[in-house]
Amino acid sequence: RTVFGNMMKYIKMTISSNFGNVFSVLVASAFLPFLPML
């Protein structure tokens, strides 16, 4: 259960972090005339 819990922690943390990155890029791209992040 410890192993399974740690695997789920990584998945949850990474998805939330990556979603934050991508969401920021998508929102910024609607207002900026260039790519916010390469």
Full PDB file with SEQRES, HELIX, SHEET, SSBOND, CRYST1, ORIGX, SCALE, CONECT and MASTER records, all heavy atoms in Angstrom:
SEQRES   1 A   38  ARG THR VAL PHE GLY ASN MET MET LYS TYR ILE LYS MET          
SEQRES   2 A   38  THR ILE SER SER ASN PHE GLY ASN VAL PHE SER VAL LEU          
SEQRES   3 A   38  VAL ALA SER ALA PHE LEU PRO PHE LEU PRO MET LEU              
HELIX    1 AA1 THR A    2  SER A   29  1                                  28    
CRYST1    1.000    1.000    1.000  90.00  90.00  90.00 P 1           1          
ORIGX1      1.000000  0.000000  0.000000        0.00000                         
ORIGX2      0.000000  1.000000  0.000000        0.00000                         
ORIGX3      0.000000  0.000000  1.000000        0.00000                         
SCALE1      1.000000  0.000000  0.000000        0.00000                         
SCALE2      0.000000  1.000000  0.000000        0.00000                         
SCALE3      0.000000  0.000000  1.000000        0.00000                         
ATOM      1  N   ARG A   1       0.837  -1.218   0.000  1.00  0.00           N  
ATOM      2  CA  ARG A   1       0.000   0.000   0.000  1.00  0.00           C  
ATOM      3  C   ARG A   1       0.865   1.259   0.000  1.00  0.00           C  
ATOM      4  O   ARG A   1       0.508   2.258  -0.615  1.00  0.00           O  
ATOM      5  CB  ARG A   1      -0.935  -0.010   1.218  1.00  0.00           C  
ATOM      6  CG  ARG A   1      -2.013  -1.060   1.069  1.00  0.00           C  
ATOM      7  CD  ARG A   1      -2.998  -1.069   2.207  1.00  0.00           C  
ATOM      8  NE  ARG A   1      -3.987  -2.116   1.986  1.00  0.00           N  
ATOM      9  CZ  ARG A   1      -5.005  -2.360   2.794  1.00  0.00           C  
ATOM     10  NH1 ARG A   1      -5.171  -1.629   3.881  1.00  0.00           N  
ATOM     11  NH2 ARG A   1      -5.861  -3.325   2.523  1.00  0.00           N  
ATOM     12  N   THR A   2       2.011   1.187   0.679  1.00  0.00           N  
ATOM     13  CA  THR A   2       2.945   2.333   0.675  1.00  0.00           C  
ATOM     14  C   THR A   2       3.466   2.565  -0.739  1.00  0.00           C  
ATOM     15  O   THR A   2       3.496   3.699  -1.229  1.00  0.00           O  
ATOM     16  CB  THR A   2       4.126   2.050   1.636  1.00  0.00           C  
ATOM     17  OG1 THR A   2       3.604   1.812   2.938  1.00  0.00           O  
ATOM     18  CG2 THR A   2       5.085   3.229   1.677  1.00  0.00           C  
ATOM     19  N   VAL A   3       3.871   1.466  -1.405  1.00  0.00           N  
ATOM     20  CA  VAL A   3       4.388   1.552  -2.774  1.00  0.00           C  
ATOM     21  C   VAL A   3       3.320   2.110  -3.710  1.00  0.00           C  
ATOM     22  O   VAL A   3       3.570   3.022  -4.505  1.00  0.00           O  
ATOM     23  CB  VAL A   3       4.862   0.159  -3.267  1.00  0.00           C  
ATOM     24  CG1 VAL A   3       5.139   0.174  -4.764  1.00  0.00           C  
ATOM     25  CG2 VAL A   3       6.111  -0.266  -2.508  1.00  0.00           C  
ATOM     26  N   PHE A   4       2.124   1.567  -3.610  1.00  0.00           N  
ATOM     27  CA  PHE A   4       1.021   2.008  -4.472  1.00  0.00           C  
ATOM     28  C   PHE A   4       0.694   3.488  -4.218  1.00  0.00           C  
ATOM     29  O   PHE A   4       0.487   4.270  -5.146  1.00  0.00           O  
ATOM     30  CB  PHE A   4      -0.215   1.138  -4.220  1.00  0.00           C  
ATOM     31  CG  PHE A   4      -1.372   1.461  -5.125  1.00  0.00           C  
ATOM     32  CD1 PHE A   4      -1.341   1.120  -6.473  1.00  0.00           C  
ATOM     33  CD2 PHE A   4      -2.507   2.106  -4.636  1.00  0.00           C  
ATOM     34  CE1 PHE A   4      -2.398   1.418  -7.303  1.00  0.00           C  
ATOM     35  CE2 PHE A   4      -3.572   2.412  -5.461  1.00  0.00           C  
ATOM     36  CZ  PHE A   4      -3.512   2.063  -6.806  1.00  0.00           C  
ATOM     37  N   GLY A   5       0.686   3.862  -2.934  1.00  0.00           N  
ATOM     38  CA  GLY A   5       0.402   5.267  -2.565  1.00  0.00           C  
ATOM     39  C   GLY A   5       1.446   6.215  -3.140  1.00  0.00           C  
ATOM     40  O   GLY A   5       1.109   7.286  -3.660  1.00  0.00           O  
ATOM     41  N   ASN A   6       2.729   5.824  -3.087  1.00  0.00           N  
ATOM     42  CA  ASN A   6       3.808   6.663  -3.624  1.00  0.00           C  
ATOM     43  C   ASN A   6       3.712   6.809  -5.145  1.00  0.00           C  
ATOM     44  O   ASN A   6       3.998   7.870  -5.700  1.00  0.00           O  
ATOM     45  CB  ASN A   6       5.179   6.089  -3.232  1.00  0.00           C  
ATOM     46  CG  ASN A   6       5.503   6.355  -1.775  1.00  0.00           C  
ATOM     47  OD1 ASN A   6       4.903   7.230  -1.151  1.00  0.00           O  
ATOM     48  ND2 ASN A   6       6.431   5.606  -1.218  1.00  0.00           N  
ATOM     49  N   MET A   7       3.316   5.723  -5.823  1.00  0.00           N  
ATOM     50  CA  MET A   7       3.135   5.800  -7.277  1.00  0.00           C  
ATOM     51  C   MET A   7       2.012   6.775  -7.623  1.00  0.00           C  
ATOM     52  O   MET A   7       2.132   7.583  -8.551  1.00  0.00           O  
ATOM     53  CB  MET A   7       2.819   4.397  -7.834  1.00  0.00           C  
ATOM     54  CG  MET A   7       4.058   3.526  -7.969  1.00  0.00           C  
ATOM     55  SD  MET A   7       3.725   1.745  -7.988  1.00  0.00           S  
ATOM     56  CE  MET A   7       2.500   1.619  -9.248  1.00  0.00           C  
ATOM     57  N   MET A   8       0.933   6.706  -6.858  1.00  0.00           N  
ATOM     58  CA  MET A   8      -0.208   7.603  -7.111  1.00  0.00           C  
ATOM     59  C   MET A   8       0.158   9.054  -6.807  1.00  0.00           C  
ATOM     60  O   MET A   8      -0.323   9.973  -7.471  1.00  0.00           O  
ATOM     61  CB  MET A   8      -1.413   7.179  -6.267  1.00  0.00           C  
ATOM     62  CG  MET A   8      -2.053   5.852  -6.700  1.00  0.00           C  
ATOM     63  SD  MET A   8      -2.418   5.774  -8.465  1.00  0.00           S  
ATOM     64  CE  MET A   8      -3.650   7.043  -8.612  1.00  0.00           C  
ATOM     65  N   LYS A   9       1.033   9.259  -5.796  1.00  0.00           N  
ATOM     66  CA  LYS A   9       1.477  10.626  -5.470  1.00  0.00           C  
ATOM     67  C   LYS A   9       2.166  11.253  -6.675  1.00  0.00           C  
ATOM     68  O   LYS A   9       1.893  12.404  -7.037  1.00  0.00           O  
ATOM     69  CB  LYS A   9       2.474  10.593  -4.298  1.00  0.00           C  
ATOM     70  CG  LYS A   9       1.838  10.542  -2.937  1.00  0.00           C  
ATOM     71  CD  LYS A   9       2.927  10.412  -1.883  1.00  0.00           C  
ATOM     72  CE  LYS A   9       2.358   9.769  -0.631  1.00  0.00           C  
ATOM     73  NZ  LYS A   9       3.408   9.368   0.292  1.00  0.00           N  
ATOM     74  N   TYR A  10       3.066  10.475  -7.293  1.00  0.00           N  
ATOM     75  CA  TYR A  10       3.792  11.007  -8.452  1.00  0.00           C  
ATOM     76  C   TYR A  10       2.820  11.367  -9.569  1.00  0.00           C  
ATOM     77  O   TYR A  10       2.909  12.444 -10.170  1.00  0.00           O  
ATOM     78  CB  TYR A  10       4.831   9.999  -8.965  1.00  0.00           C  
ATOM     79  CG  TYR A  10       5.415  10.438 -10.302  1.00  0.00           C  
ATOM     80  CD1 TYR A  10       6.347  11.470 -10.356  1.00  0.00           C  
ATOM     81  CD2 TYR A  10       4.967   9.880 -11.497  1.00  0.00           C  
ATOM     82  CE1 TYR A  10       6.849  11.911 -11.567  1.00  0.00           C  
ATOM     83  CE2 TYR A  10       5.457  10.319 -12.718  1.00  0.00           C  
ATOM     84  CZ  TYR A  10       6.401  11.337 -12.754  1.00  0.00           C  
ATOM     85  OH  TYR A  10       6.875  11.792 -13.949  1.00  0.00           O  
ATOM     86  N   ILE A  11       1.898  10.447  -9.858  1.00  0.00           N  
ATOM     87  CA  ILE A  11       0.945  10.676 -10.959  1.00  0.00           C  
ATOM     88  C   ILE A  11       0.104  11.921 -10.690  1.00  0.00           C  
ATOM     89  O   ILE A  11      -0.054  12.792 -11.551  1.00  0.00           O  
ATOM     90  CB  ILE A  11       0.058   9.425 -11.173  1.00  0.00           C  
ATOM     91  CG1 ILE A  11       0.919   8.275 -11.727  1.00  0.00           C  
ATOM     92  CG2 ILE A  11      -1.095   9.715 -12.133  1.00  0.00           C  
ATOM     93  CD1 ILE A  11       0.243   6.931 -11.688  1.00  0.00           C  
ATOM     94  N   LYS A  12      -0.407  12.048  -9.462  1.00  0.00           N  
ATOM     95  CA  LYS A  12      -1.260  13.204  -9.119  1.00  0.00           C  
ATOM     96  C   LYS A  12      -0.463  14.510  -9.162  1.00  0.00           C  
ATOM     97  O   LYS A  12      -0.922  15.523  -9.702  1.00  0.00           O  
ATOM     98  CB  LYS A  12      -1.864  13.014  -7.723  1.00  0.00           C  
ATOM     99  CG  LYS A  12      -2.980  11.967  -7.684  1.00  0.00           C  
ATOM    100  CD  LYS A  12      -3.457  11.769  -6.249  1.00  0.00           C  
ATOM    101  CE  LYS A  12      -4.554  10.706  -6.191  1.00  0.00           C  
ATOM    102  NZ  LYS A  12      -4.954  10.435  -4.794  1.00  0.00           N  
ATOM    103  N   MET A  13       0.742  14.476  -8.590  1.00  0.00           N  
ATOM    104  CA  MET A  13       1.561  15.700  -8.548  1.00  0.00           C  
ATOM    105  C   MET A  13       1.972  16.134  -9.957  1.00  0.00           C  
ATOM    106  O   MET A  13       1.898  17.316 -10.302  1.00  0.00           O  
ATOM    107  CB  MET A  13       2.820  15.458  -7.696  1.00  0.00           C  
ATOM    108  CG  MET A  13       2.529  15.353  -6.201  1.00  0.00           C  
ATOM    109  SD  MET A  13       3.865  14.569  -5.283  1.00  0.00           S  
ATOM    110  CE  MET A  13       5.155  15.779  -5.430  1.00  0.00           C  
ATOM    111  N   THR A  14       2.382  15.157 -10.769  1.00  0.00           N  
ATOM    112  CA  THR A  14       2.854  15.485 -12.117  1.00  0.00           C  
ATOM    113  C   THR A  14       1.707  15.987 -12.992  1.00  0.00           C  
ATOM    114  O   THR A  14       1.868  16.971 -13.728  1.00  0.00           O  
ATOM    115  CB  THR A  14       3.516  14.245 -12.765  1.00  0.00           C  
ATOM    116  OG1 THR A  14       4.555  13.801 -11.903  1.00  0.00           O  
ATOM    117  CG2 THR A  14       4.091  14.584 -14.119  1.00  0.00           C  
ATOM    118  N   ILE A  15       0.570  15.318 -12.912  1.00  0.00           N  
ATOM    119  CA  ILE A  15      -0.569  15.754 -13.741  1.00  0.00           C  
ATOM    120  C   ILE A  15      -1.007  17.158 -13.345  1.00  0.00           C  
ATOM    121  O   ILE A  15      -1.267  18.007 -14.206  1.00  0.00           O  
ATOM    122  CB  ILE A  15      -1.732  14.732 -13.628  1.00  0.00           C  
ATOM    123  CG1 ILE A  15      -1.367  13.463 -14.408  1.00  0.00           C  
ATOM    124  CG2 ILE A  15      -3.035  15.316 -14.155  1.00  0.00           C  
ATOM    125  CD1 ILE A  15      -2.361  12.335 -14.267  1.00  0.00           C  
ATOM    126  N   SER A  16      -1.070  17.419 -12.028  1.00  0.00           N  
ATOM    127  CA  SER A  16      -1.502  18.761 -11.593  1.00  0.00           C  
ATOM    128  C   SER A  16      -0.486  19.828 -12.012  1.00  0.00           C  
ATOM    129  O   SER A  16      -0.846  20.913 -12.491  1.00  0.00           O  
ATOM    130  CB  SER A  16      -1.719  18.792 -10.082  1.00  0.00           C  
ATOM    131  OG  SER A  16      -0.533  18.444  -9.423  1.00  0.00           O  
ATOM    132  N   SER A  17       0.819  19.499 -11.864  1.00  0.00           N  
ATOM    133  CA  SER A  17       1.871  20.443 -12.252  1.00  0.00           C  
ATOM    134  C   SER A  17       1.859  20.696 -13.761  1.00  0.00           C  
ATOM    135  O   SER A  17       1.877  21.858 -14.220  1.00  0.00           O  
ATOM    136  CB  SER A  17       3.221  19.876 -11.828  1.00  0.00           C  
ATOM    137  OG  SER A  17       4.256  20.533 -12.513  1.00  0.00           O  
ATOM    138  N   ASN A  18       1.806  19.593 -14.537  1.00  0.00           N  
ATOM    139  CA  ASN A  18       1.815  19.727 -15.996  1.00  0.00           C  
ATOM    140  C   ASN A  18       0.568  20.433 -16.507  1.00  0.00           C  
ATOM    141  O   ASN A  18       0.629  21.214 -17.459  1.00  0.00           O  
ATOM    142  CB  ASN A  18       1.937  18.344 -16.651  1.00  0.00           C  
ATOM    143  CG  ASN A  18       3.321  17.733 -16.441  1.00  0.00           C  
ATOM    144  OD1 ASN A  18       4.152  18.336 -15.767  1.00  0.00           O  
ATOM    145  ND2 ASN A  18       3.552  16.570 -17.000  1.00  0.00           N  
ATOM    146  N   PHE A  19      -0.556  20.146 -15.859  1.00  0.00           N  
ATOM    147  CA  PHE A  19      -1.793  20.808 -16.271  1.00  0.00           C  
ATOM    148  C   PHE A  19      -1.670  22.318 -16.048  1.00  0.00           C  
ATOM    149  O   PHE A  19      -2.096  23.128 -16.882  1.00  0.00           O  
ATOM    150  CB  PHE A  19      -2.989  20.258 -15.480  1.00  0.00           C  
ATOM    151  CG  PHE A  19      -4.282  20.957 -15.786  1.00  0.00           C  
ATOM    152  CD1 PHE A  19      -4.990  20.672 -16.960  1.00  0.00           C  
ATOM    153  CD2 PHE A  19      -4.795  21.923 -14.931  1.00  0.00           C  
ATOM    154  CE1 PHE A  19      -6.174  21.338 -17.254  1.00  0.00           C  
ATOM    155  CE2 PHE A  19      -5.975  22.586 -15.215  1.00  0.00           C  
ATOM    156  CZ  PHE A  19      -6.672  22.286 -16.385  1.00  0.00           C  
ATOM    157  N   GLY A  20      -1.040  22.686 -14.913  1.00  0.00           N  
ATOM    158  CA  GLY A  20      -0.836  24.113 -14.630  1.00  0.00           C  
ATOM    159  C   GLY A  20       0.015  24.777 -15.705  1.00  0.00           C  
ATOM    160  O   GLY A  20      -0.310  25.877 -16.193  1.00  0.00           O  
ATOM    161  N   ASN A  21       1.105  24.108 -16.095  1.00  0.00           N  
ATOM    162  CA  ASN A  21       1.977  24.622 -17.156  1.00  0.00           C  
ATOM    163  C   ASN A  21       1.220  24.818 -18.460  1.00  0.00           C  
ATOM    164  O   ASN A  21       1.257  25.889 -19.079  1.00  0.00           O  
ATOM    165  CB  ASN A  21       3.132  23.634 -17.419  1.00  0.00           C  
ATOM    166  CG  ASN A  21       4.265  23.812 -16.421  1.00  0.00           C  
ATOM    167  OD1 ASN A  21       4.321  24.830 -15.735  1.00  0.00           O  
ATOM    168  ND2 ASN A  21       5.131  22.837 -16.339  1.00  0.00           N  
ATOM    169  N   VAL A  22       0.547  23.757 -18.893  1.00  0.00           N  
ATOM    170  CA  VAL A  22      -0.128  23.770 -20.191  1.00  0.00           C  
ATOM    171  C   VAL A  22      -1.285  24.765 -20.193  1.00  0.00           C  
ATOM    172  O   VAL A  22      -1.493  25.502 -21.172  1.00  0.00           O  
ATOM    173  CB  VAL A  22      -0.604  22.344 -20.568  1.00  0.00           C  
ATOM    174  CG1 VAL A  22      -1.497  22.369 -21.804  1.00  0.00           C  
ATOM    175  CG2 VAL A  22       0.603  21.442 -20.806  1.00  0.00           C  
ATOM    176  N   PHE A  23      -2.016  24.812 -19.085  1.00  0.00           N  
ATOM    177  CA  PHE A  23      -3.145  25.743 -18.998  1.00  0.00           C  
ATOM    178  C   PHE A  23      -2.655  27.195 -19.108  1.00  0.00           C  
ATOM    179  O   PHE A  23      -3.256  28.018 -19.809  1.00  0.00           O  
ATOM    180  CB  PHE A  23      -3.900  25.524 -17.675  1.00  0.00           C  
ATOM    181  CG  PHE A  23      -5.148  26.344 -17.546  1.00  0.00           C  
ATOM    182  CD1 PHE A  23      -6.285  26.035 -18.300  1.00  0.00           C  
ATOM    183  CD2 PHE A  23      -5.210  27.436 -16.681  1.00  0.00           C  
ATOM    184  CE1 PHE A  23      -7.435  26.799 -18.180  1.00  0.00           C  
ATOM    185  CE2 PHE A  23      -6.350  28.201 -16.566  1.00  0.00           C  
ATOM    186  CZ  PHE A  23      -7.486  27.881 -17.316  1.00  0.00           C  
ATOM    187  N   SER A  24      -1.518  27.465 -18.423  1.00  0.00           N  
ATOM    188  CA  SER A  24      -0.923  28.821 -18.488  1.00  0.00           C  
ATOM    189  C   SER A  24      -0.528  29.177 -19.920  1.00  0.00           C  
ATOM    190  O   SER A  24      -0.786  30.282 -20.408  1.00  0.00           O  
ATOM    191  CB  SER A  24       0.314  28.910 -17.596  1.00  0.00           C  
ATOM    192  OG  SER A  24      -0.030  28.554 -16.281  1.00  0.00           O  
ATOM    193  N   VAL A  25       0.115  28.192 -20.599  1.00  0.00           N  
ATOM    194  CA  VAL A  25       0.553  28.417 -21.980  1.00  0.00           C  
ATOM    195  C   VAL A  25      -0.643  28.655 -22.889  1.00  0.00           C  
ATOM    196  O   VAL A  25      -0.643  29.560 -23.752  1.00  0.00           O  
ATOM    197  CB  VAL A  25       1.396  27.217 -22.479  1.00  0.00           C  
ATOM    198  CG1 VAL A  25       1.638  27.313 -23.987  1.00  0.00           C  
ATOM    199  CG2 VAL A  25       2.728  27.170 -21.735  1.00  0.00           C  
ATOM    200  N   LEU A  26      -1.687  27.846 -22.728  1.00  0.00           N  
ATOM    201  CA  LEU A  26      -2.887  27.974 -23.577  1.00  0.00           C  
ATOM    202  C   LEU A  26      -3.571  29.326 -23.385  1.00  0.00           C  
ATOM    203  O   LEU A  26      -3.962  29.994 -24.342  1.00  0.00           O  
ATOM    204  CB  LEU A  26      -3.879  26.840 -23.277  1.00  0.00           C  
ATOM    205  CG  LEU A  26      -3.510  25.447 -23.810  1.00  0.00           C  
ATOM    206  CD1 LEU A  26      -4.442  24.396 -23.248  1.00  0.00           C  
ATOM    207  CD2 LEU A  26      -3.565  25.426 -25.329  1.00  0.00           C  
ATOM    208  N   VAL A  27      -3.711  29.737 -22.113  1.00  0.00           N  
ATOM    209  CA  VAL A  27      -4.374  31.020 -21.830  1.00  0.00           C  
ATOM    210  C   VAL A  27      -3.520  32.168 -22.369  1.00  0.00           C  
ATOM    211  O   VAL A  27      -4.030  33.091 -23.029  1.00  0.00           O  
ATOM    212  CB  VAL A  27      -4.619  31.188 -20.313  1.00  0.00           C  
ATOM    213  CG1 VAL A  27      -5.078  32.608 -19.992  1.00  0.00           C  
ATOM    214  CG2 VAL A  27      -5.659  30.165 -19.837  1.00  0.00           C  
ATOM    215  N   ALA A  28      -2.194  32.094 -22.117  1.00  0.00           N  
ATOM    216  CA  ALA A  28      -1.291  33.164 -22.569  1.00  0.00           C  
ATOM    217  C   ALA A  28      -1.285  33.276 -24.087  1.00  0.00           C  
ATOM    218  O   ALA A  28      -1.221  34.386 -24.647  1.00  0.00           O  
ATOM    219  CB  ALA A  28       0.112  32.904 -22.052  1.00  0.00           C  
ATOM    220  N   SER A  29      -1.375  32.122 -24.802  1.00  0.00           N  
ATOM    221  CA  SER A  29      -1.305  32.134 -26.271  1.00  0.00           C  
ATOM    222  C   SER A  29      -2.501  32.851 -26.900  1.00  0.00           C  
ATOM    223  O   SER A  29      -2.434  33.304 -28.050  1.00  0.00           O  
ATOM    224  CB  SER A  29      -1.222  30.689 -26.801  1.00  0.00           C  
ATOM    225  OG  SER A  29      -2.435  30.011 -26.545  1.00  0.00           O  
ATOM    226  N   ALA A  30      -3.581  32.970 -26.136  1.00  0.00           N  
ATOM    227  CA  ALA A  30      -4.773  33.659 -26.667  1.00  0.00           C  
ATOM    228  C   ALA A  30      -4.527  35.168 -26.729  1.00  0.00           C  
ATOM    229  O   ALA A  30      -5.176  35.879 -27.515  1.00  0.00           O  
ATOM    230  CB  ALA A  30      -5.976  33.355 -25.795  1.00  0.00           C  
ATOM    231  N   PHE A  31      -3.570  35.673 -25.908  1.00  0.00           N  
ATOM    232  CA  PHE A  31      -3.339  37.127 -25.852  1.00  0.00           C  
ATOM    233  C   PHE A  31      -1.991  37.540 -26.422  1.00  0.00           C  
ATOM    234  O   PHE A  31      -1.793  38.701 -26.780  1.00  0.00           O  
ATOM    235  CB  PHE A  31      -3.423  37.593 -24.379  1.00  0.00           C  
ATOM    236  CG  PHE A  31      -4.739  37.266 -23.718  1.00  0.00           C  
ATOM    237  CD1 PHE A  31      -4.850  36.176 -22.861  1.00  0.00           C  
ATOM    238  CD2 PHE A  31      -5.872  38.028 -23.983  1.00  0.00           C  
ATOM    239  CE1 PHE A  31      -6.058  35.868 -22.257  1.00  0.00           C  
ATOM    240  CE2 PHE A  31      -7.082  37.717 -23.377  1.00  0.00           C  
ATOM    241  CZ  PHE A  31      -7.174  36.639 -22.521  1.00  0.00           C  
ATOM    242  N   LEU A  32      -1.042  36.611 -26.488  1.00  0.00           N  
ATOM    243  CA  LEU A  32       0.297  36.969 -26.952  1.00  0.00           C  
ATOM    244  C   LEU A  32       0.495  36.589 -28.409  1.00  0.00           C  
ATOM    245  O   LEU A  32       0.018  35.548 -28.850  1.00  0.00           O  
ATOM    246  CB  LEU A  32       1.360  36.253 -26.089  1.00  0.00           C  
ATOM    247  CG  LEU A  32       1.354  36.593 -24.591  1.00  0.00           C  
ATOM    248  CD1 LEU A  32       2.327  35.696 -23.838  1.00  0.00           C  
ATOM    249  CD2 LEU A  32       1.725  38.068 -24.362  1.00  0.00           C  
ATOM    250  N   PRO A  33       1.226  37.390 -29.155  1.00  0.00           N  
ATOM    251  CA  PRO A  33       1.460  37.087 -30.582  1.00  0.00           C  
ATOM    252  C   PRO A  33       2.636  36.126 -30.796  1.00  0.00           C  
ATOM    253  O   PRO A  33       3.066  35.912 -31.913  1.00  0.00           O  
ATOM    254  CB  PRO A  33       1.775  38.470 -31.165  1.00  0.00           C  
ATOM    255  CG  PRO A  33       2.387  39.212 -30.032  1.00  0.00           C  
ATOM    256  CD  PRO A  33       1.762  38.709 -28.778  1.00  0.00           C  
ATOM    257  N   PHE A  34       3.179  35.545 -29.709  1.00  0.00           N  
ATOM    258  CA  PHE A  34       4.302  34.610 -29.838  1.00  0.00           C  
ATOM    259  C   PHE A  34       4.078  33.458 -28.848  1.00  0.00           C  
ATOM    260  O   PHE A  34       3.220  33.521 -27.969  1.00  0.00           O  
ATOM    261  CB  PHE A  34       5.630  35.322 -29.514  1.00  0.00           C  
ATOM    262  CG  PHE A  34       5.641  36.011 -28.186  1.00  0.00           C  
ATOM    263  CD1 PHE A  34       6.003  35.311 -27.033  1.00  0.00           C  
ATOM    264  CD2 PHE A  34       5.274  37.358 -28.071  1.00  0.00           C  
ATOM    265  CE1 PHE A  34       5.993  35.955 -25.799  1.00  0.00           C  
ATOM    266  CE2 PHE A  34       5.259  37.986 -26.848  1.00  0.00           C  
ATOM    267  CZ  PHE A  34       5.615  37.286 -25.701  1.00  0.00           C  
ATOM    268  N   LEU A  35       4.883  32.350 -28.975  1.00  0.00           N  
ATOM    269  CA  LEU A  35       4.772  31.206 -28.069  1.00  0.00           C  
ATOM    270  C   LEU A  35       5.265  31.610 -26.676  1.00  0.00           C  
ATOM    271  O   LEU A  35       6.402  32.058 -26.538  1.00  0.00           O  
ATOM    272  CB  LEU A  35       5.626  30.043 -28.565  1.00  0.00           C  
ATOM    273  CG  LEU A  35       5.009  29.119 -29.620  1.00  0.00           C  
ATOM    274  CD1 LEU A  35       6.023  28.037 -30.008  1.00  0.00           C  
ATOM    275  CD2 LEU A  35       3.750  28.447 -29.099  1.00  0.00           C  
ATOM    276  N   PRO A  36       4.417  31.466 -25.643  1.00  0.00           N  
ATOM    277  CA  PRO A  36       4.843  31.866 -24.288  1.00  0.00           C  
ATOM    278  C   PRO A  36       6.033  31.022 -23.795  1.00  0.00           C  
ATOM    279  O   PRO A  36       6.924  31.536 -23.136  1.00  0.00           O  
ATOM    280  CB  PRO A  36       3.614  31.593 -23.428  1.00  0.00           C  
ATOM    281  CG  PRO A  36       2.475  31.459 -24.392  1.00  0.00           C  
ATOM    282  CD  PRO A  36       3.032  30.958 -25.671  1.00  0.00           C  
ATOM    283  N   MET A  37       6.018  29.715 -24.098  1.00  0.00           N  
ATOM    284  CA  MET A  37       7.132  28.845 -23.701  1.00  0.00           C  
ATOM    285  C   MET A  37       7.409  27.864 -24.833  1.00  0.00           C  
ATOM    286  O   MET A  37       6.490  27.283 -25.399  1.00  0.00           O  
ATOM    287  CB  MET A  37       6.804  28.045 -22.435  1.00  0.00           C  
ATOM    288  CG  MET A  37       6.849  28.849 -21.142  1.00  0.00           C  
ATOM    289  SD  MET A  37       6.496  27.821 -19.699  1.00  0.00           S  
ATOM    290  CE  MET A  37       8.086  27.092 -19.414  1.00  0.00           C  
ATOM    291  N   LEU A  38       8.685  27.696 -25.141  1.00  0.00           N  
ATOM    292  CA  LEU A  38       9.050  26.720 -26.163  1.00  0.00           C  
ATOM    293  C   LEU A  38       8.945  25.312 -25.583  1.00  0.00           C  
ATOM    294  O   LEU A  38       9.038  25.114 -24.364  1.00  0.00           O  
ATOM    295  CB  LEU A  38      10.479  26.972 -26.643  1.00  0.00           C  
ATOM    296  CG  LEU A  38      10.735  28.324 -27.327  1.00  0.00           C  
ATOM    297  CD1 LEU A  38      12.225  28.510 -27.578  1.00  0.00           C  
ATOM    298  CD2 LEU A  38       9.954  28.421 -28.637  1.00  0.00           C  
TER     299      LEU A  38                                                      
MASTER        0    0    0    1    0    0    0    6  298    1    0    3          
END                                                                             
